[in-house]
N, C-alpha and C. Protein backbone atom coordinates (compact mmCIF):
# COMPACT_ATOMS: atom_id res chain seq x y z
N MET A 1 -22.59 -3.88 8.63
CA MET A 1 -22.57 -4.15 7.18
C MET A 1 -21.16 -3.93 6.61
N LYS A 2 -20.85 -4.66 5.56
CA LYS A 2 -19.52 -4.58 4.94
C LYS A 2 -19.25 -3.21 4.34
N THR A 3 -20.32 -2.54 3.90
CA THR A 3 -20.15 -1.31 3.13
C THR A 3 -20.30 -0.03 3.95
N ASP A 4 -20.45 -0.14 5.27
CA ASP A 4 -20.65 1.06 6.09
C ASP A 4 -19.54 2.08 5.89
N PHE A 5 -18.29 1.62 5.85
CA PHE A 5 -17.17 2.55 5.73
C PHE A 5 -17.13 3.21 4.35
N LEU A 6 -17.66 2.52 3.33
CA LEU A 6 -17.66 3.09 1.98
C LEU A 6 -18.57 4.31 1.89
N SER A 7 -19.70 4.25 2.56
CA SER A 7 -20.63 5.39 2.52
C SER A 7 -20.02 6.61 3.19
N GLN A 8 -19.06 6.40 4.10
CA GLN A 8 -18.36 7.52 4.74
C GLN A 8 -17.23 8.05 3.86
N CYS A 9 -16.48 7.11 3.24
CA CYS A 9 -15.36 7.52 2.39
C CYS A 9 -15.83 8.10 1.06
N TYR A 10 -16.94 7.56 0.55
CA TYR A 10 -17.45 7.97 -0.77
C TYR A 10 -18.95 8.26 -0.66
N PRO A 11 -19.31 9.43 -0.11
CA PRO A 11 -20.72 9.76 0.14
C PRO A 11 -21.58 9.83 -1.12
N ASP A 12 -20.97 9.91 -2.31
CA ASP A 12 -21.75 9.98 -3.54
C ASP A 12 -22.23 8.61 -4.02
N PHE A 13 -21.76 7.55 -3.38
CA PHE A 13 -22.21 6.21 -3.77
C PHE A 13 -23.71 6.08 -3.49
N SER A 14 -24.44 5.61 -4.48
CA SER A 14 -25.88 5.44 -4.32
C SER A 14 -26.19 4.22 -3.47
N LYS A 15 -27.41 4.18 -2.93
CA LYS A 15 -27.84 3.03 -2.14
C LYS A 15 -27.83 1.76 -2.99
N GLU A 16 -28.15 1.91 -4.26
CA GLU A 16 -28.18 0.75 -5.15
C GLU A 16 -26.77 0.17 -5.34
N LEU A 17 -25.80 1.06 -5.52
CA LEU A 17 -24.42 0.60 -5.68
C LEU A 17 -23.93 -0.06 -4.40
N LEU A 18 -24.21 0.54 -3.25
CA LEU A 18 -23.79 -0.03 -1.99
C LEU A 18 -24.44 -1.40 -1.76
N TYR A 19 -25.69 -1.52 -2.19
CA TYR A 19 -26.39 -2.81 -2.08
C TYR A 19 -25.69 -3.87 -2.94
N GLU A 20 -25.31 -3.49 -4.16
CA GLU A 20 -24.62 -4.42 -5.06
C GLU A 20 -23.28 -4.86 -4.48
N ILE A 21 -22.54 -3.89 -3.94
CA ILE A 21 -21.25 -4.21 -3.35
C ILE A 21 -21.43 -5.11 -2.13
N GLU A 22 -22.43 -4.78 -1.30
CA GLU A 22 -22.73 -5.60 -0.11
C GLU A 22 -23.05 -7.03 -0.51
N LYS A 23 -23.72 -7.19 -1.64
CA LYS A 23 -24.16 -8.51 -2.09
C LYS A 23 -23.03 -9.35 -2.65
N TYR A 24 -22.14 -8.73 -3.43
CA TYR A 24 -21.15 -9.51 -4.18
C TYR A 24 -19.72 -9.46 -3.63
N ALA A 25 -19.40 -8.45 -2.86
CA ALA A 25 -18.02 -8.31 -2.38
C ALA A 25 -17.72 -9.30 -1.25
N LEU A 26 -16.46 -9.68 -1.18
CA LEU A 26 -15.99 -10.53 -0.09
C LEU A 26 -15.26 -9.68 0.94
N GLN A 27 -15.38 -10.04 2.19
CA GLN A 27 -14.65 -9.35 3.25
C GLN A 27 -13.65 -10.34 3.82
N LYS A 28 -12.37 -9.96 3.86
CA LYS A 28 -11.35 -10.89 4.29
C LYS A 28 -10.28 -10.18 5.11
N VAL A 29 -9.78 -10.87 6.14
CA VAL A 29 -8.71 -10.34 6.97
C VAL A 29 -7.41 -11.04 6.60
N PHE A 30 -6.36 -10.24 6.38
CA PHE A 30 -5.03 -10.76 6.06
C PHE A 30 -4.11 -10.47 7.23
N LYS A 31 -3.35 -11.46 7.64
CA LYS A 31 -2.39 -11.28 8.72
C LYS A 31 -1.21 -10.44 8.23
N ALA A 32 -0.49 -9.82 9.15
CA ALA A 32 0.71 -9.05 8.80
C ALA A 32 1.68 -9.94 8.04
N ASN A 33 2.22 -9.41 6.94
CA ASN A 33 3.18 -10.10 6.05
C ASN A 33 2.53 -11.16 5.17
N GLU A 34 1.21 -11.22 5.14
CA GLU A 34 0.52 -12.17 4.26
C GLU A 34 0.29 -11.51 2.89
N TYR A 35 0.56 -12.27 1.83
CA TYR A 35 0.38 -11.74 0.48
C TYR A 35 -1.10 -11.62 0.14
N ILE A 36 -1.45 -10.50 -0.49
CA ILE A 36 -2.78 -10.30 -1.03
C ILE A 36 -2.74 -10.57 -2.53
N VAL A 37 -1.67 -10.10 -3.16
CA VAL A 37 -1.40 -10.37 -4.58
C VAL A 37 0.08 -10.65 -4.72
N LYS A 38 0.43 -11.66 -5.49
CA LYS A 38 1.82 -11.93 -5.80
C LYS A 38 2.09 -11.59 -7.26
N GLN A 39 3.25 -11.02 -7.51
CA GLN A 39 3.65 -10.70 -8.88
C GLN A 39 3.55 -11.96 -9.73
N GLY A 40 2.82 -11.85 -10.85
CA GLY A 40 2.60 -13.01 -11.71
C GLY A 40 1.22 -13.59 -11.57
N ASP A 41 0.48 -13.19 -10.50
CA ASP A 41 -0.90 -13.65 -10.33
C ASP A 41 -1.82 -12.97 -11.34
N PHE A 42 -2.98 -13.56 -11.56
CA PHE A 42 -4.03 -12.91 -12.32
C PHE A 42 -4.95 -12.20 -11.33
N ILE A 43 -5.31 -10.96 -11.63
CA ILE A 43 -6.12 -10.16 -10.72
C ILE A 43 -7.59 -10.56 -10.84
N LYS A 44 -8.16 -11.00 -9.73
CA LYS A 44 -9.56 -11.42 -9.71
C LYS A 44 -10.46 -10.44 -8.95
N TYR A 45 -9.82 -9.63 -8.10
CA TYR A 45 -10.61 -8.72 -7.27
C TYR A 45 -9.98 -7.33 -7.26
N LEU A 46 -10.83 -6.33 -7.07
CA LEU A 46 -10.37 -4.98 -6.81
C LEU A 46 -10.45 -4.79 -5.30
N PRO A 47 -9.32 -4.59 -4.62
CA PRO A 47 -9.34 -4.49 -3.16
C PRO A 47 -9.60 -3.06 -2.70
N ILE A 48 -10.38 -2.93 -1.64
CA ILE A 48 -10.54 -1.65 -0.95
C ILE A 48 -10.23 -1.91 0.52
N LEU A 49 -9.28 -1.16 1.04
CA LEU A 49 -8.82 -1.40 2.41
C LEU A 49 -9.77 -0.78 3.42
N ARG A 50 -10.21 -1.62 4.36
CA ARG A 50 -11.07 -1.14 5.45
C ARG A 50 -10.27 -0.79 6.69
N LYS A 51 -9.35 -1.66 7.07
CA LYS A 51 -8.50 -1.43 8.24
C LYS A 51 -7.10 -1.94 7.93
N GLY A 52 -6.08 -1.31 8.54
CA GLY A 52 -4.72 -1.79 8.39
C GLY A 52 -3.90 -0.98 7.41
N CYS A 53 -2.97 -1.64 6.74
CA CYS A 53 -2.08 -0.98 5.77
C CYS A 53 -1.53 -2.03 4.81
N ILE A 54 -1.50 -1.68 3.53
CA ILE A 54 -1.00 -2.59 2.50
C ILE A 54 0.23 -1.97 1.83
N LYS A 55 1.26 -2.78 1.65
CA LYS A 55 2.47 -2.34 0.94
C LYS A 55 2.43 -2.88 -0.48
N VAL A 56 2.60 -2.00 -1.45
CA VAL A 56 2.64 -2.39 -2.86
C VAL A 56 4.07 -2.25 -3.35
N PHE A 57 4.61 -3.31 -3.96
CA PHE A 57 5.99 -3.28 -4.42
C PHE A 57 6.16 -4.15 -5.65
N CYS A 58 7.28 -4.00 -6.32
CA CYS A 58 7.59 -4.86 -7.46
C CYS A 58 8.96 -5.50 -7.21
N SER A 59 9.20 -6.61 -7.87
CA SER A 59 10.45 -7.35 -7.71
C SER A 59 11.16 -7.44 -9.05
N GLU A 60 12.47 -7.25 -9.01
CA GLU A 60 13.28 -7.35 -10.22
C GLU A 60 14.64 -7.91 -9.83
N ASP A 61 15.00 -9.05 -10.41
CA ASP A 61 16.30 -9.68 -10.13
C ASP A 61 16.53 -9.85 -8.63
N THR A 62 15.55 -10.40 -7.93
CA THR A 62 15.57 -10.70 -6.49
C THR A 62 15.56 -9.46 -5.60
N ILE A 63 15.42 -8.27 -6.19
CA ILE A 63 15.35 -7.04 -5.40
C ILE A 63 13.91 -6.56 -5.36
N ASP A 64 13.38 -6.33 -4.13
CA ASP A 64 12.05 -5.78 -3.97
C ASP A 64 12.14 -4.27 -3.89
N PHE A 65 11.21 -3.59 -4.56
CA PHE A 65 11.25 -2.14 -4.58
C PHE A 65 9.88 -1.59 -4.19
N LEU A 66 9.86 -0.83 -3.09
CA LEU A 66 8.61 -0.26 -2.58
C LEU A 66 8.05 0.77 -3.55
N LEU A 67 6.74 0.65 -3.87
CA LEU A 67 6.07 1.62 -4.73
C LEU A 67 5.26 2.61 -3.89
N TYR A 68 4.36 2.10 -3.06
CA TYR A 68 3.57 2.97 -2.18
C TYR A 68 2.81 2.12 -1.16
N PHE A 69 2.21 2.81 -0.20
CA PHE A 69 1.36 2.15 0.80
C PHE A 69 -0.10 2.49 0.52
N ILE A 70 -0.98 1.55 0.83
CA ILE A 70 -2.42 1.78 0.74
C ILE A 70 -2.97 1.90 2.15
N GLU A 71 -3.72 2.96 2.40
CA GLU A 71 -4.29 3.20 3.72
C GLU A 71 -5.81 3.02 3.68
N PRO A 72 -6.48 2.95 4.84
CA PRO A 72 -7.93 2.70 4.88
C PRO A 72 -8.72 3.63 3.98
N GLY A 73 -9.67 3.03 3.26
CA GLY A 73 -10.52 3.77 2.33
C GLY A 73 -9.95 3.83 0.93
N GLU A 74 -8.70 3.36 0.75
CA GLU A 74 -8.04 3.44 -0.55
C GLU A 74 -8.02 2.08 -1.24
N SER A 75 -7.72 2.14 -2.54
CA SER A 75 -7.56 0.93 -3.33
C SER A 75 -6.20 0.99 -4.03
N CYS A 76 -5.99 0.11 -4.99
CA CYS A 76 -4.69 0.00 -5.66
C CYS A 76 -4.83 0.36 -7.13
N ILE A 77 -4.10 1.40 -7.58
CA ILE A 77 -4.23 1.82 -8.98
C ILE A 77 -3.76 0.73 -9.94
N TYR A 78 -2.82 -0.10 -9.50
CA TYR A 78 -2.35 -1.17 -10.37
C TYR A 78 -3.44 -2.22 -10.59
N SER A 79 -4.29 -2.41 -9.59
CA SER A 79 -5.41 -3.34 -9.76
C SER A 79 -6.42 -2.79 -10.77
N PHE A 80 -6.62 -1.46 -10.75
CA PHE A 80 -7.52 -0.85 -11.72
C PHE A 80 -7.07 -1.12 -13.15
N ALA A 81 -5.75 -1.15 -13.33
CA ALA A 81 -5.20 -1.36 -14.67
C ALA A 81 -5.56 -2.73 -15.23
N HIS A 82 -5.97 -3.65 -14.35
CA HIS A 82 -6.29 -5.01 -14.79
C HIS A 82 -7.79 -5.25 -14.93
N ILE A 83 -8.59 -4.18 -14.78
CA ILE A 83 -10.03 -4.35 -14.92
C ILE A 83 -10.41 -4.78 -16.33
N ASN A 84 -9.74 -4.21 -17.33
CA ASN A 84 -10.09 -4.50 -18.73
C ASN A 84 -9.05 -5.32 -19.47
N ASN A 85 -8.16 -5.98 -18.73
CA ASN A 85 -7.24 -6.90 -19.39
C ASN A 85 -6.98 -8.09 -18.47
N GLU A 86 -6.43 -9.13 -19.02
CA GLU A 86 -6.20 -10.35 -18.26
C GLU A 86 -4.71 -10.66 -18.13
N LYS A 87 -3.90 -9.62 -18.12
CA LYS A 87 -2.47 -9.81 -17.96
C LYS A 87 -2.13 -10.14 -16.50
N GLN A 88 -1.01 -10.80 -16.33
CA GLN A 88 -0.56 -11.12 -14.98
C GLN A 88 -0.06 -9.85 -14.28
N ALA A 89 -0.24 -9.81 -12.99
CA ALA A 89 0.16 -8.65 -12.20
C ALA A 89 1.67 -8.44 -12.26
N GLU A 90 2.07 -7.19 -12.43
CA GLU A 90 3.49 -6.84 -12.45
C GLU A 90 3.90 -6.23 -11.11
N PHE A 91 3.14 -6.51 -10.09
CA PHE A 91 3.39 -5.98 -8.75
C PHE A 91 2.94 -7.01 -7.72
N SER A 92 3.35 -6.79 -6.48
CA SER A 92 2.88 -7.59 -5.35
C SER A 92 2.28 -6.65 -4.32
N ALA A 93 1.34 -7.18 -3.53
CA ALA A 93 0.76 -6.42 -2.43
C ALA A 93 0.75 -7.32 -1.20
N ILE A 94 1.23 -6.79 -0.10
CA ILE A 94 1.36 -7.57 1.13
C ILE A 94 0.83 -6.74 2.30
N ALA A 95 0.21 -7.42 3.27
CA ALA A 95 -0.31 -6.72 4.44
C ALA A 95 0.86 -6.27 5.32
N GLU A 96 1.02 -4.96 5.46
CA GLU A 96 2.07 -4.41 6.31
C GLU A 96 1.69 -4.60 7.79
N LEU A 97 0.40 -4.43 8.07
CA LEU A 97 -0.19 -4.70 9.38
C LEU A 97 -1.35 -5.66 9.14
N GLU A 98 -1.90 -6.25 10.19
CA GLU A 98 -3.12 -7.04 9.99
C GLU A 98 -4.16 -6.14 9.33
N SER A 99 -4.73 -6.61 8.23
CA SER A 99 -5.56 -5.73 7.40
C SER A 99 -6.87 -6.41 7.00
N GLU A 100 -7.91 -5.61 7.00
CA GLU A 100 -9.24 -6.08 6.59
C GLU A 100 -9.58 -5.44 5.25
N LEU A 101 -9.89 -6.28 4.28
CA LEU A 101 -10.16 -5.77 2.93
C LEU A 101 -11.54 -6.16 2.45
N LEU A 102 -12.09 -5.30 1.62
CA LEU A 102 -13.30 -5.60 0.87
C LEU A 102 -12.84 -5.93 -0.54
N LEU A 103 -13.14 -7.13 -1.02
CA LEU A 103 -12.68 -7.59 -2.33
C LEU A 103 -13.83 -7.58 -3.32
N LEU A 104 -13.74 -6.68 -4.30
CA LEU A 104 -14.80 -6.55 -5.31
C LEU A 104 -14.44 -7.37 -6.54
N PRO A 105 -15.29 -8.33 -6.93
CA PRO A 105 -14.98 -9.16 -8.11
C PRO A 105 -14.81 -8.29 -9.35
N ILE A 106 -13.73 -8.52 -10.10
CA ILE A 106 -13.42 -7.70 -11.27
C ILE A 106 -14.56 -7.70 -12.28
N ASP A 107 -15.20 -8.85 -12.51
CA ASP A 107 -16.28 -8.89 -13.51
C ASP A 107 -17.45 -7.99 -13.10
N ARG A 108 -17.70 -7.89 -11.79
CA ARG A 108 -18.76 -7.02 -11.31
C ARG A 108 -18.33 -5.54 -11.41
N VAL A 109 -17.07 -5.28 -11.11
CA VAL A 109 -16.56 -3.90 -11.18
C VAL A 109 -16.74 -3.35 -12.60
N LYS A 110 -16.49 -4.19 -13.61
CA LYS A 110 -16.67 -3.75 -15.00
C LYS A 110 -18.10 -3.27 -15.25
N LEU A 111 -19.06 -4.00 -14.70
CA LEU A 111 -20.47 -3.64 -14.87
C LEU A 111 -20.81 -2.39 -14.07
N TRP A 112 -20.31 -2.32 -12.85
CA TRP A 112 -20.64 -1.20 -11.97
C TRP A 112 -20.09 0.11 -12.49
N ILE A 113 -18.91 0.10 -13.08
CA ILE A 113 -18.33 1.34 -13.59
C ILE A 113 -19.22 1.95 -14.67
N LYS A 114 -19.83 1.10 -15.48
CA LYS A 114 -20.74 1.58 -16.54
C LYS A 114 -22.08 2.02 -15.97
N LYS A 115 -22.56 1.29 -14.98
CA LYS A 115 -23.89 1.53 -14.43
C LYS A 115 -23.89 2.64 -13.39
N PHE A 116 -22.79 2.75 -12.62
CA PHE A 116 -22.72 3.73 -11.52
C PHE A 116 -21.48 4.62 -11.70
N PRO A 117 -21.63 5.75 -12.38
CA PRO A 117 -20.49 6.64 -12.62
C PRO A 117 -19.78 7.07 -11.33
N SER A 118 -20.49 7.09 -10.22
CA SER A 118 -19.88 7.52 -8.96
C SER A 118 -18.76 6.59 -8.54
N LEU A 119 -18.76 5.34 -9.04
CA LEU A 119 -17.69 4.40 -8.70
C LEU A 119 -16.34 4.90 -9.21
N ASN A 120 -16.39 5.74 -10.25
CA ASN A 120 -15.15 6.28 -10.79
C ASN A 120 -14.42 7.18 -9.78
N ALA A 121 -15.14 7.58 -8.71
CA ALA A 121 -14.50 8.40 -7.67
C ALA A 121 -13.34 7.65 -7.04
N ILE A 122 -13.51 6.33 -6.86
CA ILE A 122 -12.42 5.52 -6.29
C ILE A 122 -11.22 5.55 -7.24
N VAL A 123 -11.52 5.38 -8.54
CA VAL A 123 -10.45 5.37 -9.54
C VAL A 123 -9.71 6.70 -9.53
N LEU A 124 -10.45 7.80 -9.60
CA LEU A 124 -9.84 9.13 -9.70
C LEU A 124 -9.09 9.51 -8.42
N ASN A 125 -9.72 9.28 -7.27
CA ASN A 125 -9.08 9.65 -6.01
C ASN A 125 -7.80 8.88 -5.78
N ASN A 126 -7.84 7.59 -6.05
CA ASN A 126 -6.66 6.77 -5.82
C ASN A 126 -5.59 6.99 -6.88
N TYR A 127 -6.02 7.28 -8.10
CA TYR A 127 -5.04 7.57 -9.15
C TYR A 127 -4.24 8.81 -8.78
N LYS A 128 -4.93 9.88 -8.36
CA LYS A 128 -4.25 11.11 -8.00
C LYS A 128 -3.33 10.90 -6.80
N LYS A 129 -3.82 10.16 -5.79
CA LYS A 129 -3.04 9.92 -4.57
C LYS A 129 -1.78 9.13 -4.87
N HIS A 130 -1.94 7.99 -5.56
CA HIS A 130 -0.79 7.11 -5.76
C HIS A 130 0.10 7.57 -6.91
N TYR A 131 -0.46 8.34 -7.84
CA TYR A 131 0.39 8.96 -8.86
C TYR A 131 1.36 9.91 -8.18
N SER A 132 0.85 10.66 -7.20
CA SER A 132 1.70 11.57 -6.43
C SER A 132 2.74 10.77 -5.64
N ASP A 133 2.32 9.63 -5.06
CA ASP A 133 3.26 8.78 -4.32
C ASP A 133 4.39 8.29 -5.23
N LEU A 134 4.02 7.87 -6.44
CA LEU A 134 5.02 7.34 -7.37
C LEU A 134 5.97 8.44 -7.84
N LEU A 135 5.44 9.64 -8.05
CA LEU A 135 6.31 10.77 -8.41
C LEU A 135 7.30 11.06 -7.28
N SER A 136 6.79 11.00 -6.05
CA SER A 136 7.65 11.24 -4.90
C SER A 136 8.75 10.18 -4.81
N THR A 137 8.37 8.93 -5.05
CA THR A 137 9.35 7.84 -5.01
C THR A 137 10.42 8.03 -6.09
N THR A 138 9.97 8.40 -7.29
CA THR A 138 10.91 8.64 -8.40
C THR A 138 11.84 9.80 -8.09
N LYS A 139 11.27 10.86 -7.51
CA LYS A 139 12.08 12.04 -7.16
C LYS A 139 13.13 11.67 -6.11
N GLN A 140 12.73 10.84 -5.14
CA GLN A 140 13.68 10.43 -4.11
C GLN A 140 14.86 9.67 -4.71
N ILE A 141 14.55 8.77 -5.66
CA ILE A 141 15.60 7.96 -6.28
C ILE A 141 16.57 8.83 -7.06
N ILE A 142 16.01 9.80 -7.79
CA ILE A 142 16.83 10.63 -8.67
C ILE A 142 17.56 11.73 -7.91
N CYS A 143 16.84 12.37 -6.97
CA CYS A 143 17.38 13.58 -6.36
C CYS A 143 17.92 13.41 -4.94
N TYR A 144 17.45 12.40 -4.23
CA TYR A 144 17.85 12.26 -2.84
C TYR A 144 18.95 11.21 -2.70
N ASN A 145 19.77 11.37 -1.67
CA ASN A 145 20.70 10.30 -1.36
C ASN A 145 19.97 9.28 -0.48
N LEU A 146 20.62 8.15 -0.25
CA LEU A 146 19.95 7.05 0.45
C LEU A 146 19.61 7.42 1.89
N GLU A 147 20.44 8.26 2.51
CA GLU A 147 20.14 8.68 3.89
C GLU A 147 18.82 9.45 3.95
N ASP A 148 18.60 10.36 2.99
CA ASP A 148 17.35 11.11 2.94
C ASP A 148 16.16 10.20 2.69
N ARG A 149 16.35 9.23 1.81
CA ARG A 149 15.27 8.28 1.50
C ARG A 149 14.93 7.44 2.74
N LEU A 150 15.95 7.07 3.51
CA LEU A 150 15.74 6.29 4.72
C LEU A 150 14.93 7.09 5.73
N ILE A 151 15.28 8.35 5.92
CA ILE A 151 14.55 9.21 6.85
C ILE A 151 13.10 9.36 6.40
N GLU A 152 12.89 9.57 5.11
CA GLU A 152 11.54 9.71 4.57
C GLU A 152 10.73 8.43 4.78
N TYR A 153 11.38 7.29 4.56
CA TYR A 153 10.72 5.99 4.74
C TYR A 153 10.30 5.80 6.21
N LEU A 154 11.21 6.10 7.14
CA LEU A 154 10.91 5.92 8.57
C LEU A 154 9.78 6.86 9.00
N ASN A 155 9.77 8.08 8.49
CA ASN A 155 8.69 9.01 8.82
C ASN A 155 7.36 8.54 8.27
N THR A 156 7.36 7.97 7.06
CA THR A 156 6.13 7.44 6.47
C THR A 156 5.61 6.28 7.29
N LYS A 157 6.50 5.36 7.67
CA LYS A 157 6.10 4.22 8.50
C LYS A 157 5.55 4.69 9.83
N SER A 158 6.16 5.69 10.42
CA SER A 158 5.71 6.23 11.70
C SER A 158 4.29 6.80 11.59
N LYS A 159 4.04 7.50 10.48
CA LYS A 159 2.71 8.06 10.25
C LYS A 159 1.67 6.96 10.07
N ILE A 160 2.01 5.94 9.28
CA ILE A 160 1.08 4.85 9.02
C ILE A 160 0.72 4.10 10.30
N GLU A 161 1.73 3.86 11.14
CA GLU A 161 1.52 3.08 12.35
C GLU A 161 1.12 3.95 13.54
N SER A 162 1.05 5.27 13.32
CA SER A 162 0.68 6.21 14.39
C SER A 162 1.54 6.01 15.63
N SER A 163 2.82 5.83 15.40
CA SER A 163 3.75 5.61 16.51
C SER A 163 5.13 6.10 16.11
N SER A 164 5.82 6.70 17.09
CA SER A 164 7.20 7.15 16.83
C SER A 164 8.20 6.02 17.05
N THR A 165 7.72 4.87 17.53
CA THR A 165 8.58 3.70 17.74
C THR A 165 8.18 2.60 16.77
N LEU A 166 9.13 2.17 15.97
CA LEU A 166 8.88 1.15 14.95
C LEU A 166 9.63 -0.12 15.31
N GLN A 167 8.98 -1.25 15.06
CA GLN A 167 9.64 -2.54 15.26
C GLN A 167 9.87 -3.15 13.88
N ILE A 168 11.08 -2.94 13.37
CA ILE A 168 11.39 -3.37 12.01
C ILE A 168 12.89 -3.66 11.92
N SER A 169 13.24 -4.67 11.17
CA SER A 169 14.65 -5.05 11.04
C SER A 169 15.34 -4.25 9.96
N HIS A 170 16.67 -4.19 10.03
CA HIS A 170 17.44 -3.52 8.98
C HIS A 170 17.26 -4.22 7.64
N GLN A 171 17.07 -5.54 7.67
CA GLN A 171 16.87 -6.28 6.43
C GLN A 171 15.55 -5.90 5.78
N ASP A 172 14.49 -5.72 6.58
CA ASP A 172 13.19 -5.32 6.02
C ASP A 172 13.29 -3.93 5.39
N ILE A 173 13.99 -3.03 6.06
CA ILE A 173 14.17 -1.68 5.51
C ILE A 173 14.95 -1.75 4.20
N ALA A 174 16.01 -2.55 4.21
CA ALA A 174 16.83 -2.71 3.00
C ALA A 174 16.00 -3.24 1.84
N ASN A 175 15.14 -4.21 2.13
CA ASN A 175 14.28 -4.78 1.08
C ASN A 175 13.37 -3.71 0.48
N ASN A 176 12.82 -2.86 1.32
CA ASN A 176 11.90 -1.83 0.84
C ASN A 176 12.60 -0.72 0.06
N LEU A 177 13.86 -0.47 0.38
CA LEU A 177 14.59 0.61 -0.29
C LEU A 177 15.53 0.10 -1.38
N GLY A 178 15.50 -1.21 -1.63
CA GLY A 178 16.29 -1.78 -2.72
C GLY A 178 17.78 -1.69 -2.51
N THR A 179 18.23 -1.95 -1.28
CA THR A 179 19.66 -1.91 -1.00
C THR A 179 20.02 -3.08 -0.09
N SER A 180 21.21 -3.06 0.51
CA SER A 180 21.65 -4.17 1.34
C SER A 180 21.48 -3.85 2.83
N ARG A 181 21.42 -4.90 3.64
CA ARG A 181 21.28 -4.72 5.09
C ARG A 181 22.49 -3.98 5.66
N GLU A 182 23.68 -4.28 5.14
CA GLU A 182 24.89 -3.65 5.64
C GLU A 182 24.86 -2.14 5.44
N VAL A 183 24.37 -1.72 4.30
CA VAL A 183 24.28 -0.28 4.02
C VAL A 183 23.31 0.38 4.98
N ILE A 184 22.15 -0.25 5.20
CA ILE A 184 21.16 0.31 6.12
C ILE A 184 21.71 0.37 7.53
N SER A 185 22.43 -0.67 7.96
CA SER A 185 23.01 -0.69 9.30
C SER A 185 23.98 0.46 9.50
N ARG A 186 24.79 0.75 8.48
CA ARG A 186 25.74 1.86 8.58
C ARG A 186 24.99 3.21 8.67
N LEU A 187 23.94 3.34 7.86
CA LEU A 187 23.17 4.58 7.87
C LEU A 187 22.43 4.77 9.20
N MET A 188 21.92 3.65 9.77
CA MET A 188 21.22 3.75 11.05
C MET A 188 22.18 4.18 12.15
N GLN A 189 23.41 3.70 12.10
CA GLN A 189 24.42 4.14 13.06
C GLN A 189 24.67 5.64 12.94
N LYS A 190 24.68 6.11 11.70
CA LYS A 190 24.91 7.52 11.43
C LYS A 190 23.73 8.36 11.96
N LEU A 191 22.50 7.91 11.72
CA LEU A 191 21.32 8.63 12.19
C LEU A 191 21.24 8.60 13.71
N ASN A 192 21.70 7.49 14.29
CA ASN A 192 21.72 7.37 15.75
C ASN A 192 22.71 8.38 16.34
N ALA A 193 23.86 8.53 15.70
CA ALA A 193 24.89 9.48 16.16
C ALA A 193 24.39 10.92 16.03
N LYS A 194 23.57 11.17 15.02
CA LYS A 194 23.02 12.51 14.80
C LYS A 194 21.79 12.77 15.68
N GLN A 195 21.39 11.75 16.44
CA GLN A 195 20.21 11.81 17.32
C GLN A 195 18.93 12.07 16.54
N ILE A 196 18.87 11.51 15.33
CA ILE A 196 17.64 11.55 14.54
C ILE A 196 16.77 10.36 14.91
N VAL A 197 17.42 9.24 15.22
CA VAL A 197 16.72 8.05 15.69
C VAL A 197 17.49 7.47 16.87
N LYS A 198 16.82 6.59 17.61
CA LYS A 198 17.47 5.83 18.67
C LYS A 198 17.19 4.36 18.42
N GLN A 199 18.24 3.58 18.26
CA GLN A 199 18.13 2.16 17.94
C GLN A 199 18.25 1.33 19.21
N ASP A 200 17.29 0.43 19.42
CA ASP A 200 17.32 -0.50 20.54
C ASP A 200 16.89 -1.87 20.04
N GLY A 201 17.87 -2.67 19.61
CA GLY A 201 17.54 -3.96 19.00
C GLY A 201 16.81 -3.75 17.70
N ARG A 202 15.62 -4.36 17.58
CA ARG A 202 14.81 -4.17 16.38
C ARG A 202 13.83 -3.03 16.53
N ARG A 203 13.94 -2.29 17.61
CA ARG A 203 13.05 -1.16 17.83
C ARG A 203 13.76 0.14 17.46
N ILE A 204 13.10 0.94 16.64
CA ILE A 204 13.67 2.20 16.18
C ILE A 204 12.75 3.32 16.65
N LYS A 205 13.27 4.21 17.44
CA LYS A 205 12.48 5.36 17.91
C LYS A 205 12.91 6.60 17.14
N ILE A 206 11.95 7.27 16.53
CA ILE A 206 12.24 8.49 15.78
C ILE A 206 12.19 9.66 16.76
N LEU A 207 13.29 10.38 16.87
CA LEU A 207 13.41 11.46 17.87
C LEU A 207 12.93 12.79 17.31
């Protein structure tokens, strides 16, 4: 069933709510690097991640800026913000890895929130989680230098992928940290010299 994982992540969900979600929600697989939402789109679904990883970011003047990652069992707080309005999305979401999502129609979510108070658990849990993520991102920008932010980013990616070896280009890292490829390449050389990472082509091993 589509909702089996929800009963594990959110044990307070009633059988009636799970039945409604099973009936109306869509289940879809997105390939790695495939857009789930593009900045400027109208939000039609509230996504809940079943498998994989989703990257949420915003774009400004051709620069992409990483906001946070969504992991299994989580949703997107920015999508919640569009439940009661019809404004265009001010963010993008892309599959970092091949990802399986449960897509809850926004019109149904509006009804379910009123009918099933337990659904608010998703809102509250994800708000607290991603609010903390956004505070951390803001703190990194204000208080950390770019080298520290790069190390934090690589450690986060390693945790998400459950691997100490990452296959990612300097350009992709630069895009996520809002800087240039040349700057990232210089920093990676520095981290390599410090034996914090080992670079082998597009493969980065965290030591």
